[in-house]
Protein backbone atom coordinates (compact mmCIF):
# COMPACT_ATOMS: atom_id res chain seq x y z
CA MET A 1 30.51 85.43 40.58
CA ASN A 2 27.42 83.39 39.64
CA VAL A 3 24.42 84.42 38.77
CA THR A 4 22.23 83.74 42.08
CA LYS A 5 25.40 85.50 44.25
CA ARG A 6 25.21 88.54 41.33
CA THR A 7 21.30 88.53 41.63
CA GLU A 8 21.61 88.79 45.80
CA ALA A 9 24.13 91.58 45.41
CA TRP A 10 21.22 93.02 43.49
CA VAL A 11 18.32 93.27 45.29
CA ARG A 12 20.63 94.05 48.43
CA GLU A 13 21.16 97.42 46.74
CA GLN A 14 17.58 98.05 45.62
CA LEU A 15 16.21 97.47 48.75
CA SER A 16 19.16 99.09 50.59
CA ASN A 17 16.69 102.13 51.89
CA GLU A 18 14.07 100.04 52.72
CA ALA A 19 11.12 101.02 55.81
CA THR A 20 8.82 98.73 55.52
CA GLY A 21 9.92 95.52 56.14
CA HIS A 22 10.58 94.55 53.05
CA ASP A 23 14.12 94.94 53.26
CA TRP A 24 17.33 92.88 52.25
CA TYR A 25 16.74 91.05 56.14
CA HIS A 26 13.34 89.86 55.09
CA ILE A 27 14.59 88.42 51.78
CA GLU A 28 18.00 86.96 52.91
CA ARG A 29 15.44 84.92 55.79
CA VAL A 30 12.78 84.22 52.89
CA THR A 31 15.68 83.20 50.88
CA ARG A 32 16.96 80.76 53.58
CA SER A 33 13.90 79.56 54.66
CA ALA A 34 12.82 78.81 50.25
CA ARG A 35 15.63 77.35 49.81
CA ALA A 36 15.47 74.33 52.75
CA MET A 37 11.90 73.89 51.60
CA ALA A 38 13.29 73.33 47.92
CA GLU A 39 16.35 70.59 48.83
CA GLN A 40 13.46 68.80 50.94
CA GLU A 41 10.65 69.08 48.17
CA GLN A 42 13.21 68.58 45.44
CA ALA A 43 12.29 71.78 44.16
CA ASP A 44 13.70 73.65 41.51
CA ILE A 45 16.52 74.86 43.78
CA PHE A 46 17.63 78.00 41.04
CA ILE A 47 13.91 78.64 40.67
CA VAL A 48 13.02 79.16 43.85
CA GLU A 49 15.85 80.61 45.09
CA MET A 50 15.67 83.96 42.16
CA ALA A 51 12.00 83.99 42.69
CA ALA A 52 12.52 84.34 46.54
CA LEU A 53 15.16 86.86 46.31
CA MET A 54 13.51 89.15 43.64
CA HIS A 55 9.86 88.76 44.95
CA ASP A 56 9.72 92.19 46.79
CA ILE A 57 11.57 93.86 43.76
CA ALA A 58 8.20 94.13 42.06
CA ASP A 59 5.92 94.46 45.14
CA ASP A 60 3.86 97.86 44.90
CA LYS A 61 4.29 98.53 49.11
CA VAL A 62 7.89 98.65 47.90
CA VAL A 63 7.49 100.23 44.30
CA ALA A 64 5.22 102.68 43.06
CA SER A 65 4.56 100.82 40.13
CA GLU A 66 4.61 96.50 39.87
CA GLU A 67 5.20 96.87 36.33
CA VAL A 68 8.14 98.99 36.12
CA GLY A 69 9.13 96.71 38.88
CA LEU A 70 8.18 93.93 36.55
CA ARG A 71 10.48 95.08 33.77
CA MET A 72 13.18 95.67 36.45
CA ILE A 73 13.43 91.79 37.06
CA LYS A 74 12.75 90.97 33.60
CA ASP A 75 15.62 93.19 32.37
CA TRP A 76 18.24 91.96 35.03
CA LEU A 77 17.63 88.00 33.96
CA VAL A 78 18.28 88.44 30.19
CA THR A 79 21.09 90.59 31.40
CA ASN A 80 22.25 87.74 33.46
CA GLU A 81 21.81 85.14 30.52
CA VAL A 82 18.70 83.52 32.42
CA ASN A 83 16.58 81.61 29.80
CA GLU A 84 12.98 82.26 28.54
CA GLU A 85 11.53 79.23 30.63
CA GLN A 86 13.12 80.07 33.50
CA ILE A 87 12.27 83.51 33.28
CA LYS A 88 9.04 83.23 32.80
CA HIS A 89 8.65 80.56 35.68
CA ILE A 90 10.51 83.37 38.05
CA VAL A 91 8.35 86.17 37.50
CA GLU A 92 5.38 83.75 37.60
CA ILE A 93 6.17 83.17 40.80
CA ILE A 94 6.53 86.70 41.59
CA GLN A 95 3.52 87.81 40.33
CA SER A 96 1.58 84.92 41.94
CA ILE A 97 2.64 84.84 45.44
CA SER A 98 1.03 87.61 47.36
CA PHE A 99 -1.82 86.67 49.98
CA SER A 100 -3.78 90.53 48.74
CA LYS A 101 -3.92 89.24 45.03
CA GLY A 102 -5.22 86.12 46.05
CA ARG A 103 -3.78 84.33 42.78
CA SER A 104 -3.65 80.31 42.60
CA LEU A 105 -0.19 78.90 42.57
CA HIS A 106 0.57 76.69 39.85
CA SER A 107 4.06 74.82 41.06
CA LEU A 108 5.41 73.18 43.41
CA GLU A 109 8.04 76.37 43.15
CA ALA A 110 5.58 78.87 43.68
CA GLU A 111 3.97 77.11 46.95
CA ILE A 112 7.63 76.92 48.01
CA VAL A 113 8.20 80.81 47.90
CA GLN A 114 4.25 81.57 49.18
CA ASP A 115 5.16 79.67 52.15
CA ALA A 116 8.77 81.12 52.92
CA ASP A 117 7.14 84.69 52.92
CA ARG A 118 4.60 83.83 54.77
CA LEU A 119 6.39 81.91 57.62
CA ASP A 120 8.22 85.21 57.61
CA ALA A 121 5.42 87.35 58.22
CA ILE A 122 4.06 85.81 61.52
CA GLY A 123 5.42 85.56 65.24
CA ALA A 124 7.92 88.10 66.55
CA ILE A 125 9.55 88.97 63.46
CA GLY A 126 5.55 89.46 61.49
CA ILE A 127 4.72 91.03 64.49
CA ALA A 128 7.24 93.68 64.24
CA ARG A 129 7.64 94.16 60.72
CA THR A 130 3.84 95.16 61.03
CA PHE A 131 5.23 97.74 63.20
CA GLN A 132 7.95 99.06 60.81
CA TYR A 133 4.96 98.91 57.97
CA ALA A 134 3.24 101.16 59.20
CA GLY A 135 5.82 103.47 60.54
CA SER A 136 6.40 103.58 57.56
CA LYS A 137 3.53 104.75 55.75
CA GLY A 138 3.23 107.13 58.74
CA THR A 139 -0.48 105.87 59.68
CA GLN A 140 -2.47 104.89 62.81
CA CYS A 141 -2.41 101.20 61.51
CA MET A 142 -2.14 100.36 65.29
CA THR A 143 -5.18 101.99 66.59
CA LEU A 144 -7.21 100.95 63.75
CA CYS A 145 -5.66 97.04 64.13
CA PHE A 146 -6.46 96.87 67.71
CA ARG A 147 -9.08 99.11 68.25
CA SER A 148 -12.34 97.40 70.04
CA GLU A 149 -15.07 96.57 67.94
CA ARG A 150 -17.78 96.07 71.22
CA THR A 151 -20.38 98.88 70.99
């Protein structure tokens, strides 16, 4: 089994109980979209797939500590004999694509993974994931999100 297939299985296991909308099905959709874009744009498909697969493992909406999540990712990549340059690129993508962090993107591969992730946040799936995230956090999000601002 190649490293990409092993990573798919590992991420699926890591996110098996995820209830915020950042679950395996989200990862699968993002990875599929990112792969298609990478092929079209002639980007490094291995880097794109690995970053897309692991992009939520260190997300603060999913884990208590981004640092712990990043350490898990790096350890996984080292254990699976991914070279240091590739590890650096994958981790840089994961750290830069978050909408809330507003960081600059430094590669075509980062742009692709970010676009794929954002595409999964729009339309009917995006709306469903918003409700799922709000429900998982026990918030009054819908009241806050749709409250009229009229005075």
